[in-house]
C-alpha atoms as a PDB file:
ATOM      1  CA  MET A   1      33.098   2.277  47.608  1.00  0.00           C
ATOM      2  CA  THR A   2      32.683  -1.487  47.871  1.00  0.00           C
ATOM      3  CA  PRO A   3      34.151  -3.388  50.858  1.00  0.00           C
ATOM      4  CA  HIS A   4      36.957  -5.023  48.837  1.00  0.00           C
ATOM      5  CA  GLN A   5      38.206  -1.599  47.753  1.00  0.00           C
ATOM      6  CA  LYS A   6      38.923  -0.593  51.359  1.00  0.00           C
ATOM      7  CA  ARG A   7      41.837  -3.064  51.582  1.00  0.00           C
ATOM      8  CA  VAL A   8      45.049  -2.990  49.633  1.00  0.00           C
ATOM      9  CA  LEU A   9      44.925  -6.027  47.354  1.00  0.00           C
ATOM     10  CA  SER A  10      47.647  -7.722  45.397  1.00  0.00           C
ATOM     11  CA  PRO A  11      47.447  -7.414  41.586  1.00  0.00           C
ATOM     12  CA  ILE A  12      46.069 -10.927  41.172  1.00  0.00           C
ATOM     13  CA  THR A  13      43.481 -10.472  43.926  1.00  0.00           C
ATOM     14  CA  GLN A  14      42.485  -7.105  42.466  1.00  0.00           C
ATOM     15  CA  ARG A  15      41.971  -8.764  39.096  1.00  0.00           C
ATOM     16  CA  MET A  16      39.900 -11.446  40.812  1.00  0.00           C
ATOM     17  CA  ALA A  17      37.710  -8.751  42.370  1.00  0.00           C
ATOM     18  CA  GLU A  18      37.212  -7.200  38.950  1.00  0.00           C
ATOM     19  CA  ASP A  19      36.227 -10.587  37.502  1.00  0.00           C
ATOM     20  CA  MET A  20      33.581 -10.920  40.190  1.00  0.00           C
ATOM     21  CA  CYS A  21      32.331  -7.385  39.511  1.00  0.00           C
ATOM     22  CA  ILE A  22      31.896  -8.312  35.839  1.00  0.00           C
ATOM     23  CA  ARG A  23      29.721 -11.246  36.923  1.00  0.00           C
ATOM     24  CA  ASN A  24      27.649  -8.929  39.153  1.00  0.00           C
ATOM     25  CA  LEU A  25      28.454 -10.693  42.415  1.00  0.00           C
ATOM     26  CA  SER A  26      27.458  -8.873  45.567  1.00  0.00           C
ATOM     27  CA  PRO A  27      30.022  -6.653  47.359  1.00  0.00           C
ATOM     28  CA  ARG A  28      29.894  -8.906  50.425  1.00  0.00           C
ATOM     29  CA  THR A  29      30.743 -11.948  48.300  1.00  0.00           C
ATOM     30  CA  ILE A  30      33.637 -10.100  46.670  1.00  0.00           C
ATOM     31  CA  ASP A  31      34.922  -8.997  50.067  1.00  0.00           C
ATOM     32  CA  ALA A  32      34.705 -12.540  51.508  1.00  0.00           C
ATOM     33  CA  TYR A  33      36.365 -14.290  48.563  1.00  0.00           C
ATOM     34  CA  THR A  34      39.243 -11.827  48.298  1.00  0.00           C
ATOM     35  CA  TYR A  35      39.752 -11.983  52.065  1.00  0.00           C
ATOM     36  CA  HIS A  36      40.226 -15.751  52.059  1.00  0.00           C
ATOM     37  CA  VAL A  37      42.439 -15.686  48.980  1.00  0.00           C
ATOM     38  CA  GLU A  38      44.715 -13.048  50.555  1.00  0.00           C
ATOM     39  CA  ARG A  39      45.026 -15.157  53.707  1.00  0.00           C
ATOM     40  CA  PHE A  40      45.905 -18.177  51.583  1.00  0.00           C
ATOM     41  CA  SER A  41      48.688 -16.212  49.871  1.00  0.00           C
ATOM     42  CA  ARG A  42      50.074 -14.837  53.144  1.00  0.00           C
ATOM     43  CA  PHE A  43      50.072 -18.284  54.762  1.00  0.00           C
ATOM     44  CA  PHE A  44      52.734 -19.514  52.293  1.00  0.00           C
ATOM     45  CA  ASP A  45      54.250 -16.060  51.663  1.00  0.00           C
ATOM     46  CA  LYS A  46      54.193 -16.711  47.925  1.00  0.00           C
ATOM     47  CA  PRO A  47      52.351 -15.231  44.956  1.00  0.00           C
ATOM     48  CA  LEU A  48      49.114 -16.933  44.050  1.00  0.00           C
ATOM     49  CA  ASP A  49      50.343 -18.015  40.616  1.00  0.00           C
ATOM     50  CA  GLN A  50      53.127 -20.067  42.295  1.00  0.00           C
ATOM     51  CA  LEU A  51      50.796 -22.116  44.504  1.00  0.00           C
ATOM     52  CA  GLY A  52      49.278 -25.429  43.491  1.00  0.00           C
ATOM     53  CA  PRO A  53      47.034 -28.244  44.696  1.00  0.00           C
ATOM     54  CA  GLU A  54      49.412 -29.417  47.438  1.00  0.00           C
ATOM     55  CA  GLU A  55      49.425 -25.937  49.014  1.00  0.00           C
ATOM     56  CA  VAL A  56      45.645 -25.847  48.813  1.00  0.00           C
ATOM     57  CA  ARG A  57      45.451 -29.184  50.634  1.00  0.00           C
ATOM     58  CA  LEU A  58      47.839 -28.023  53.380  1.00  0.00           C
ATOM     59  CA  TYR A  59      45.896 -24.807  53.809  1.00  0.00           C
ATOM     60  CA  GLN A  60      42.625 -26.716  54.159  1.00  0.00           C
ATOM     61  CA  LEU A  61      44.176 -28.878  56.885  1.00  0.00           C
ATOM     62  CA  HIS A  62      45.423 -25.699  58.568  1.00  0.00           C
ATOM     63  CA  LEU A  63      41.904 -24.248  58.613  1.00  0.00           C
ATOM     64  CA  ILE A  64      40.461 -27.404  60.158  1.00  0.00           C
ATOM     65  CA  GLU A  65      43.149 -28.474  62.624  1.00  0.00           C
ATOM     66  CA  VAL A  66      44.796 -25.202  63.667  1.00  0.00           C
ATOM     67  CA  LYS A  67      42.335 -22.381  63.051  1.00  0.00           C
ATOM     68  CA  LYS A  68      39.324 -24.532  64.023  1.00  0.00           C
ATOM     69  CA  ALA A  69      37.314 -22.707  61.380  1.00  0.00           C
ATOM     70  CA  SER A  70      33.603 -23.357  61.052  1.00  0.00           C
ATOM     71  CA  TRP A  71      32.400 -25.307  58.058  1.00  0.00           C
ATOM     72  CA  SER A  72      30.703 -22.202  56.699  1.00  0.00           C
ATOM     73  CA  SER A  73      33.975 -20.286  56.770  1.00  0.00           C
ATOM     74  CA  PHE A  74      35.831 -23.312  55.383  1.00  0.00           C
ATOM     75  CA  ASN A  75      33.487 -23.642  52.410  1.00  0.00           C
ATOM     76  CA  GLN A  76      33.647 -19.904  51.833  1.00  0.00           C
ATOM     77  CA  ALA A  77      37.409 -20.183  51.477  1.00  0.00           C
ATOM     78  CA  VAL A  78      36.912 -23.102  49.071  1.00  0.00           C
ATOM     79  CA  CYS A  79      34.568 -20.987  46.942  1.00  0.00           C
ATOM     80  CA  GLY A  80      37.130 -18.187  46.796  1.00  0.00           C
ATOM     81  CA  LEU A  81      39.948 -20.528  45.781  1.00  0.00           C
ATOM     82  CA  ARG A  82      37.784 -22.258  43.195  1.00  0.00           C
ATOM     83  CA  PHE A  83      36.883 -18.935  41.602  1.00  0.00           C
ATOM     84  CA  LEU A  84      40.524 -17.861  41.626  1.00  0.00           C
ATOM     85  CA  TYR A  85      41.857 -20.985  39.916  1.00  0.00           C
ATOM     86  CA  HIS A  86      38.887 -21.435  37.633  1.00  0.00           C
ATOM     87  CA  VAL A  87      38.366 -17.871  36.339  1.00  0.00           C
ATOM     88  CA  THR A  88      41.249 -15.526  37.202  1.00  0.00           C
ATOM     89  CA  LEU A  89      44.079 -18.097  37.065  1.00  0.00           C
ATOM     90  CA  PRO A  90      42.600 -21.073  35.173  1.00  0.00           C
ATOM     91  CA  ARG A  91      44.021 -24.416  36.336  1.00  0.00           C
ATOM     92  CA  PRO A  92      42.893 -27.883  35.203  1.00  0.00           C
ATOM     93  CA  TRP A  93      42.905 -29.314  38.749  1.00  0.00           C
ATOM     94  CA  VAL A  94      40.596 -26.770  40.375  1.00  0.00           C
ATOM     95  CA  VAL A  95      37.460 -28.904  40.865  1.00  0.00           C
ATOM     96  CA  GLN A  96      39.173 -32.184  41.752  1.00  0.00           C
ATOM     97  CA  GLN A  97      41.689 -30.836  44.261  1.00  0.00           C
ATOM     98  CA  ILE A  98      39.572 -28.320  46.205  1.00  0.00           C
ATOM     99  CA  PRO A  99      36.758 -30.292  47.852  1.00  0.00           C
ATOM    100  CA  PHE A 100      34.002 -28.808  49.960  1.00  0.00           C
ATOM    101  CA  GLY A 101      33.456 -29.783  53.573  1.00  0.00           C
ATOM    102  CA  LYS A 102      30.272 -31.537  54.653  1.00  0.00           C
ATOM    103  CA  ARG A 103      28.311 -29.158  56.836  1.00  0.00           C
ATOM    104  CA  PRO A 104      26.451 -30.640  59.815  1.00  0.00           C
ATOM    105  CA  LYS A 105      22.684 -30.294  59.533  1.00  0.00           C
ATOM    106  CA  ARG A 106      21.076 -28.590  62.507  1.00  0.00           C
ATOM    107  CA  LEU A 107      17.473 -27.702  63.136  1.00  0.00           C
ATOM    108  CA  PRO A 108      16.670 -23.989  63.357  1.00  0.00           C
ATOM    109  CA  SER A 109      16.113 -22.428  66.759  1.00  0.00           C
ATOM    110  CA  VAL A 110      12.484 -21.311  67.136  1.00  0.00           C
ATOM    111  CA  LEU A 111      10.809 -19.095  69.735  1.00  0.00           C
ATOM    112  CA  GLY A 112       7.202 -19.243  70.839  1.00  0.00           C
ATOM    113  CA  SER A 113       4.921 -16.212  70.842  1.00  0.00           C
ATOM    114  CA  ASP A 114       5.402 -15.652  74.591  1.00  0.00           C
ATOM    115  CA  GLU A 115       9.183 -15.822  74.238  1.00  0.00           C
ATOM    116  CA  VAL A 116       9.149 -13.348  71.344  1.00  0.00           C
ATOM    117  CA  SER A 117       7.020 -10.974  73.404  1.00  0.00           C
ATOM    118  CA  ARG A 118       9.466 -11.187  76.315  1.00  0.00           C
ATOM    119  CA  LEU A 119      12.409 -10.637  73.973  1.00  0.00           C
ATOM    120  CA  ILE A 120      10.907  -7.537  72.336  1.00  0.00           C
ATOM    121  CA  ALA A 121       9.924  -6.072  75.699  1.00  0.00           C
ATOM    122  CA  CYS A 122      13.559  -6.217  76.883  1.00  0.00           C
ATOM    123  CA  VAL A 123      14.890  -3.980  74.075  1.00  0.00           C
ATOM    124  CA  PRO A 124      15.085  -0.405  75.456  1.00  0.00           C
ATOM    125  CA  VAL A 125      16.057   1.472  72.259  1.00  0.00           C
ATOM    126  CA  LEU A 126      13.115   2.266  69.981  1.00  0.00           C
ATOM    127  CA  LYS A 127      15.047   1.821  66.730  1.00  0.00           C
ATOM    128  CA  HIS A 128      16.459  -1.560  67.736  1.00  0.00           C
ATOM    129  CA  ARG A 129      13.077  -2.744  68.990  1.00  0.00           C
ATOM    130  CA  THR A 130      11.392  -1.729  65.731  1.00  0.00           C
ATOM    131  CA  VAL A 131      14.014  -3.594  63.681  1.00  0.00           C
ATOM    132  CA  LEU A 132      13.418  -6.794  65.658  1.00  0.00           C
ATOM    133  CA  LEU A 133       9.657  -6.351  65.278  1.00  0.00           C
ATOM    134  CA  THR A 134      10.110  -6.023  61.518  1.00  0.00           C
ATOM    135  CA  LEU A 135      12.212  -9.179  61.392  1.00  0.00           C
ATOM    136  CA  TYR A 136       9.532 -11.165  63.193  1.00  0.00           C
ATOM    137  CA  ALA A 137       6.500  -9.612  61.473  1.00  0.00           C
ATOM    138  CA  ALA A 138       7.786 -10.043  57.910  1.00  0.00           C
ATOM    139  CA  GLY A 139      10.349 -12.854  58.221  1.00  0.00           C
ATOM    140  CA  LEU A 140      13.193 -10.744  56.827  1.00  0.00           C
ATOM    141  CA  ARG A 141      16.900 -11.319  56.931  1.00  0.00           C
ATOM    142  CA  LEU A 142      18.817  -8.803  59.013  1.00  0.00           C
ATOM    143  CA  SER A 143      20.456  -7.140  56.002  1.00  0.00           C
ATOM    144  CA  GLU A 144      17.063  -6.888  54.288  1.00  0.00           C
ATOM    145  CA  ALA A 145      15.565  -5.073  57.272  1.00  0.00           C
ATOM    146  CA  THR A 146      18.457  -2.648  57.750  1.00  0.00           C
ATOM    147  CA  HIS A 147      18.393  -1.705  54.048  1.00  0.00           C
ATOM    148  CA  LEU A 148      14.677  -0.921  54.011  1.00  0.00           C
ATOM    149  CA  GLN A 149      13.815   2.570  52.829  1.00  0.00           C
ATOM    150  CA  VAL A 150      10.828   4.717  53.689  1.00  0.00           C
ATOM    151  CA  ALA A 151       9.535   4.392  50.133  1.00  0.00           C
ATOM    152  CA  ASP A 152       9.472   0.589  50.470  1.00  0.00           C
ATOM    153  CA  ILE A 153       6.424   0.744  52.755  1.00  0.00           C
ATOM    154  CA  ASP A 154       3.249   0.492  50.674  1.00  0.00           C
ATOM    155  CA  SER A 155       0.521   1.196  53.220  1.00  0.00           C
ATOM    156  CA  GLY A 156      -2.161   1.354  50.504  1.00  0.00           C
ATOM    157  CA  ARG A 157      -1.636  -2.247  49.397  1.00  0.00           C
ATOM    158  CA  MET A 158      -0.221  -3.329  52.797  1.00  0.00           C
ATOM    159  CA  LEU A 159       3.023  -4.618  51.298  1.00  0.00           C
ATOM    160  CA  LEU A 160       6.743  -4.335  52.012  1.00  0.00           C
ATOM    161  CA  ASN A 161       9.042  -4.020  49.016  1.00  0.00           C
ATOM    162  CA  ILE A 162      12.242  -5.972  49.702  1.00  0.00           C
ATOM    163  CA  ARG A 163      14.855  -4.673  47.268  1.00  0.00           C
ATOM    164  CA  HIS A 164      18.032  -5.790  49.034  1.00  0.00           C
ATOM    165  CA  GLY A 165      17.266  -9.513  49.078  1.00  0.00           C
ATOM    166  CA  LYS A 166      19.826 -12.284  48.928  1.00  0.00           C
ATOM    167  CA  GLY A 167      21.352 -12.411  45.472  1.00  0.00           C
ATOM    168  CA  ASN A 168      19.903  -8.953  44.702  1.00  0.00           C
ATOM    169  CA  LYS A 169      16.464 -10.518  44.290  1.00  0.00           C
ATOM    170  CA  GLN A 170      13.424  -8.368  44.841  1.00  0.00           C
ATOM    171  CA  ARG A 171      10.205  -9.643  46.411  1.00  0.00           C
ATOM    172  CA  LEU A 172       7.035  -8.444  48.141  1.00  0.00           C
ATOM    173  CA  VAL A 173       5.877  -9.540  51.598  1.00  0.00           C
ATOM    174  CA  PRO A 174       2.619  -8.745  53.429  1.00  0.00           C
ATOM    175  CA  LEU A 175       2.675  -5.785  55.805  1.00  0.00           C
ATOM    176  CA  SER A 176       1.134  -6.532  59.169  1.00  0.00           C
ATOM    177  CA  PRO A 177      -1.339  -3.877  60.424  1.00  0.00           C
ATOM    178  CA  ARG A 178       0.298  -3.996  63.852  1.00  0.00           C
ATOM    179  CA  LEU A 179       3.725  -3.562  62.290  1.00  0.00           C
ATOM    180  CA  LEU A 180       2.440  -0.583  60.296  1.00  0.00           C
ATOM    181  CA  THR A 181       1.264   1.031  63.541  1.00  0.00           C
ATOM    182  CA  GLU A 182       4.664   0.476  65.146  1.00  0.00           C
ATOM    183  CA  LEU A 183       6.488   1.847  62.090  1.00  0.00           C
ATOM    184  CA  ARG A 184       4.345   4.990  62.111  1.00  0.00           C
ATOM    185  CA  GLN A 185       5.093   5.613  65.782  1.00  0.00           C
ATOM    186  CA  TYR A 186       8.781   5.079  65.093  1.00  0.00           C
ATOM    187  CA  TRP A 187       8.688   7.454  62.093  1.00  0.00           C
ATOM    188  CA  LYS A 188       7.009  10.221  64.131  1.00  0.00           C
ATOM    189  CA  GLN A 189       9.888  10.171  66.631  1.00  0.00           C
ATOM    190  CA  THR A 190      12.882   9.684  64.324  1.00  0.00           C
ATOM    191  CA  ARG A 191      11.714  11.131  60.953  1.00  0.00           C
ATOM    192  CA  PRO A 192      14.081   9.104  58.707  1.00  0.00           C
ATOM    193  CA  SER A 193      14.473  10.442  55.183  1.00  0.00           C
ATOM    194  CA  SER A 194      16.205   7.758  53.093  1.00  0.00           C
ATOM    195  CA  PHE A 195      16.870   4.548  54.995  1.00  0.00           C
ATOM    196  CA  LEU A 196      14.131   3.506  57.387  1.00  0.00           C
ATOM    197  CA  PHE A 197      16.746   2.509  59.975  1.00  0.00           C
ATOM    198  CA  PRO A 198      19.753   4.775  59.339  1.00  0.00           C
ATOM    199  CA  GLY A 199      23.119   4.432  60.998  1.00  0.00           C
ATOM    200  CA  LYS A 200      25.351   7.268  62.144  1.00  0.00           C
ATOM    201  CA  THR A 201      24.481   9.239  59.022  1.00  0.00           C
ATOM    202  CA  PRO A 202      21.125   9.263  57.162  1.00  0.00           C
ATOM    203  CA  ASP A 203      22.668   7.865  53.957  1.00  0.00           C
ATOM    204  CA  VAL A 204      24.147   4.767  55.654  1.00  0.00           C
ATOM    205  CA  PRO A 205      22.019   1.829  56.898  1.00  0.00           C
ATOM    206  CA  LEU A 206      22.172   0.660  60.483  1.00  0.00           C
ATOM    207  CA  SER A 207      24.989  -1.760  61.242  1.00  0.00           C
ATOM    208  CA  SER A 208      23.994  -5.404  61.574  1.00  0.00           C
ATOM    209  CA  ALA A 209      26.382  -5.833  64.511  1.00  0.00           C
ATOM    210  CA  THR A 210      24.395  -3.257  66.496  1.00  0.00           C
ATOM    211  CA  ILE A 211      21.178  -5.260  66.162  1.00  0.00           C
ATOM    212  CA  GLN A 212      22.971  -8.515  66.958  1.00  0.00           C
ATOM    213  CA  LYS A 213      24.326  -7.078  70.207  1.00  0.00           C
ATOM    214  CA  ALA A 214      20.935  -5.638  71.137  1.00  0.00           C
ATOM    215  CA  CYS A 215      19.258  -8.993  70.484  1.00  0.00           C
ATOM    216  CA  LYS A 216      21.835 -10.855  72.575  1.00  0.00           C
ATOM    217  CA  MET A 217      21.401  -8.479  75.515  1.00  0.00           C
ATOM    218  CA  ALA A 218      17.600  -8.683  75.288  1.00  0.00           C
ATOM    219  CA  ALA A 219      17.730 -12.493  75.251  1.00  0.00           C
ATOM    220  CA  ALA A 220      19.833 -12.433  78.434  1.00  0.00           C
ATOM    221  CA  LEU A 221      17.388 -10.058  80.138  1.00  0.00           C
ATOM    222  CA  ALA A 222      14.425 -12.174  79.028  1.00  0.00           C
ATOM    223  CA  ARG A 223      16.170 -15.284  80.422  1.00  0.00           C
ATOM    224  CA  LEU A 224      15.723 -17.337  77.299  1.00  0.00           C
ATOM    225  CA  ASN A 225      17.437 -20.694  77.653  1.00  0.00           C
ATOM    226  CA  GLN A 226      18.234 -21.253  73.984  1.00  0.00           C
ATOM    227  CA  PRO A 227      20.685 -19.250  71.839  1.00  0.00           C
ATOM    228  CA  VAL A 228      18.879 -16.352  70.152  1.00  0.00           C
ATOM    229  CA  SER A 229      19.975 -14.215  67.203  1.00  0.00           C
ATOM    230  CA  PRO A 230      18.079 -11.895  64.842  1.00  0.00           C
ATOM    231  CA  HIS A 231      17.806 -14.800  62.394  1.00  0.00           C
ATOM    232  CA  THR A 232      15.898 -16.754  65.055  1.00  0.00           C
ATOM    233  CA  LEU A 233      12.980 -14.359  64.541  1.00  0.00           C
ATOM    234  CA  ARG A 234      12.924 -15.269  60.851  1.00  0.00           C
ATOM    235  CA  HIS A 235      12.761 -18.966  61.758  1.00  0.00           C
ATOM    236  CA  SER A 236       9.984 -18.238  64.252  1.00  0.00           C
ATOM    237  CA  TYR A 237       8.024 -16.377  61.564  1.00  0.00           C
ATOM    238  CA  ALA A 238       8.236 -19.302  59.138  1.00  0.00           C
ATOM    239  CA  THR A 239       7.323 -21.868  61.793  1.00  0.00           C
ATOM    240  CA  GLY A 240       4.376 -19.769  62.935  1.00  0.00           C
ATOM    241  CA  LEU A 241       3.021 -19.583  59.382  1.00  0.00           C
ATOM    242  CA  LEU A 242       3.401 -23.336  58.959  1.00  0.00           C
ATOM    243  CA  GLU A 243       1.560 -24.032  62.201  1.00  0.00           C
ATOM    244  CA  ALA A 244      -1.205 -21.644  61.082  1.00  0.00           C
ATOM    245  CA  GLY A 245      -1.819 -23.738  57.966  1.00  0.00           C
ATOM    246  CA  VAL A 246       0.107 -21.810  55.297  1.00  0.00           C
ATOM    247  CA  ASP A 247       1.538 -24.125  52.651  1.00  0.00           C
ATOM    248  CA  LEU A 248       5.278 -24.579  52.202  1.00  0.00           C
ATOM    249  CA  LEU A 249       5.376 -23.106  48.699  1.00  0.00           C
ATOM    250  CA  THR A 250       3.898 -19.806  49.888  1.00  0.00           C
ATOM    251  CA  ILE A 251       6.258 -19.692  52.872  1.00  0.00           C
ATOM    252  CA  GLY A 252       9.243 -20.279  50.592  1.00  0.00           C
ATOM    253  CA  ARG A 253       8.157 -17.408  48.335  1.00  0.00           C
ATOM    254  CA  LEU A 254       7.707 -15.068  51.292  1.00  0.00           C
ATOM    255  CA  LEU A 255      11.118 -15.976  52.697  1.00  0.00           C
ATOM    256  CA  GLY A 256      12.841 -15.627  49.321  1.00  0.00           C
ATOM    257  CA  HIS A 257      14.117 -19.214  49.232  1.00  0.00           C
ATOM    258  CA  GLN A 258      15.540 -20.361  45.940  1.00  0.00           C
ATOM    259  CA  SER A 259      15.128 -24.062  46.704  1.00  0.00           C
ATOM    260  CA  PHE A 260      12.015 -25.739  48.065  1.00  0.00           C
ATOM    261  CA  THR A 261      14.127 -28.101  50.174  1.00  0.00           C
ATOM    262  CA  THR A 262      15.360 -25.132  52.208  1.00  0.00           C
ATOM    263  CA  THR A 263      11.810 -24.426  53.356  1.00  0.00           C
ATOM    264  CA  MET A 264      11.127 -28.068  54.212  1.00  0.00           C
ATOM    265  CA  VAL A 265      13.407 -27.880  57.262  1.00  0.00           C
ATOM    266  CA  TYR A 266      10.582 -26.154  59.153  1.00  0.00           C
ATOM    267  CA  LEU A 267       8.559 -29.359  58.973  1.00  0.00           C
ATOM    268  CA  HIS A 268      10.891 -30.807  61.611  1.00  0.00           C
ATOM    269  CA  VAL A 269      10.159 -28.063  64.184  1.00  0.00           C
ATOM    270  CA  ARG A 270       6.394 -27.732  63.671  1.00  0.00           C
ATOM    271  CA  ARG A 271       4.661 -28.425  66.992  1.00  0.00           C
ATOM    272  CA  PRO A 272       1.439 -30.046  65.689  1.00  0.00           C
ATOM    273  CA  HIS A 273       3.591 -32.420  63.661  1.00  0.00           C
ATOM    274  CA  LEU A 274       5.594 -33.408  66.745  1.00  0.00           C
ATOM    275  CA  ASP A 275       2.642 -33.487  69.153  1.00  0.00           C
ATOM    276  CA  SER A 276       0.682 -35.847  66.912  1.00  0.00           C
ATOM    277  CA  THR A 277       3.430 -38.486  67.064  1.00  0.00           C
ATOM    278  CA  PRO A 278       2.861 -40.822  70.046  1.00  0.00           C
ATOM    279  CA  SER A 279       5.473 -42.869  71.863  1.00  0.00           C
ATOM    280  CA  PRO A 280       5.201 -46.702  71.901  1.00  0.00           C
ATOM    281  CA  LEU A 281       5.822 -46.547  75.649  1.00  0.00           C
ATOM    282  CA  ASP A 282       2.345 -45.062  76.122  1.00  0.00           C
ATOM    283  CA  TRP A 283       0.788 -48.173  74.545  1.00  0.00           C
ATOM    284  CA  LEU A 284       2.204 -50.594  77.144  1.00  0.00           C
ATOM    285  CA  PRO A 285       0.056 -51.660  80.117  1.00  0.00           C
ATOM    286  CA  VAL A 286       1.040 -49.938  83.330  1.00  0.00           C
ATOM    287  CA  ARG A 287       1.785 -53.234  85.159  1.00  0.00           C
ATOM    288  CA  GLN A 288       4.553 -53.992  82.652  1.00  0.00           C
ATOM    289  CA  CYS A 289       6.394 -50.765  83.308  1.00  0.00           C
ATOM    290  CA  PRO A 290       9.221 -50.907  85.862  1.00  0.00           C
ATOM    291  CA  ARG A 291       8.610 -49.183  89.171  1.00  0.00           C
ATOM    292  CA  TRP A 292      11.511 -46.749  89.370  1.00  0.00           C
ATOM    293  CA  LEU A 293      10.092 -45.006  92.426  1.00  0.00           C
ATOM    294  CA  GLU A 294       9.863 -48.273  94.394  1.00  0.00           C
ATOM    295  CA  PRO A 295      13.338 -49.866  94.453  1.00  0.00           C
ATOM    296  CA  ASN A 296      12.196 -52.584  96.970  1.00  0.00           C
ATOM    297  CA  PRO A 297       8.858 -54.408  96.627  1.00  0.00           C
ATOM    298  CA  PRO A 298       6.394 -53.596  99.443  1.00  0.00           C
ATOM    299  CA  ALA A 299       6.104 -56.133 102.326  1.00  0.00           C
ATOM    300  CA  PRO A 300       2.868 -58.174 102.476  1.00  0.00           C
ATOM    301  CA  PRO A 301       0.299 -57.017 105.058  1.00  0.00           C
ATOM    302  CA  THR A 302       0.411 -58.587 108.511  1.00  0.00           C
ATOM    303  CA  THR A 303      -2.461 -61.085 109.266  1.00  0.00           C
ATOM    304  CA  PRO A 304      -3.129 -63.588 112.125  1.00  0.00           C
ATOM    305  CA  GLU A 305      -2.091 -66.406 109.848  1.00  0.00           C
ATOM    306  CA  ASN A 306       1.248 -64.739 109.292  1.00  0.00           C
ATOM    307  CA  ASN A 307       1.724 -64.318 113.077  1.00  0.00           C
ATOM    308  CA  ALA A 308       1.125 -68.086 113.808  1.00  0.00           C
ATOM    309  CA  PRO A 309       4.282 -69.973 114.889  1.00  0.00           C
ATOM    310  CA  PRO A 310       5.780 -72.158 112.251  1.00  0.00           C
ATOM    311  CA  SER A 311       4.923 -75.876 112.424  1.00  0.00           C
ATOM    312  CA  SER A 312       7.593 -78.307 113.545  1.00  0.00           C
ATOM    313  CA  PRO A 313       9.260 -80.124 110.700  1.00  0.00           C
ATOM    314  CA  ARG A 314       8.392 -83.769 110.134  1.00  0.00           C
ATOM    315  CA  PRO A 315      11.092 -86.435 110.527  1.00  0.00           C
ATOM    316  CA  ALA A 316      12.594 -87.726 107.420  1.00  0.00           C
ATOM    317  CA  GLY A 317      11.344 -91.092 106.183  1.00  0.00           C
ATOM    318  CA  PRO A 318       8.481 -92.696 104.288  1.00  0.00           C
ATOM    319  CA  GLU A 319       5.051 -91.337 104.762  1.00  0.00           C
ATOM    320  CA  PRO A 320       2.801 -93.602 107.015  1.00  0.00           C
ATOM    321  CA  ALA A 321      -0.051 -95.312 105.211  1.00  0.00           C
ATOM    322  CA  PRO A 322      -3.496 -94.015 105.994  1.00  0.00           C
ATOM    323  CA  SER A 323      -5.460 -96.225 108.486  1.00  0.00           C
ATOM    324  CA  ASP A 324      -8.612 -98.113 107.392  1.00  0.00           C
ATOM    325  CA  PRO A 325     -11.576 -97.035 109.506  1.00  0.00           C
ATOM    326  CA  ALA A 326     -13.274-100.481 108.944  1.00  0.00           C
ATOM    327  CA  GLN A 327     -10.578-102.398 110.889  1.00  0.00           C
ATOM    328  CA  PRO A 328     -10.277-102.041 114.675  1.00  0.00           C
ATOM    329  CA  SER A 329      -7.211-100.585 116.058  1.00  0.00           C
ATOM    330  CA  ALA A 330      -4.668-102.843 117.707  1.00  0.00           C
END
């Protein structure tokens, strides 16, 4: 049963879910789009076929000003409404009247090797620790790691078969020898049959929320100053490969990026790239730099000349002419 089938949907929303199933959209996408469309309908308490561009505009303002929704959630709602009024209920104003929000661009959070080691060491549960190791060793998304199966481990060719990639895209990633050792120790203790990291039952993958909570608790125990999530390990994997000399095209293929520009963001967090950029302040002579540690200039050293009493001032008037040594004095 897909996620959107667990909720009771209106007839129009149910038809929208069927239209997305025909186009082979993922269950998570269907669940997200139908969720936002149902909230849009309940906000005005009207059927979807009676709502127009003015209601869409008011609902967008409500998401921004009242709900304080993130731009990711805002754009997700826009995608759901665009699909609704472009496919299920075709309207001529769909593209012009439902604009996307401009998402702020932020650099990914990256951990160093010592910080990753401290983070992994603070995870007490073997299954959770092995999932985080897999994320860092192969650069996987959290859903890709939780949906791994035992048959996806190719120890002969040292490859991991990622079947549950984003957009249902399959790819192969290298299998680290150290990760293979950790997976074998984990398998000897748990003996999973279908999913490598099963949930409450063997036929259900481990919940992503469980790993997110375990990662947050481990980051607090490791006393990491920056915000850490399971996706941070994926960023750290990509940055580590870039610093090791792997080209961007190969990194993008390993990460499963569709666009090359997505991979280029790691250029901005690469340490050799940042360390090789000097500051113009270092080129200035030291004597031209202000002395912040010395608010008052130092007093000149005391000498006998400085201790001599000051000479009496001369009276005002014209200077006397110098006497001629050839003439006798009066």
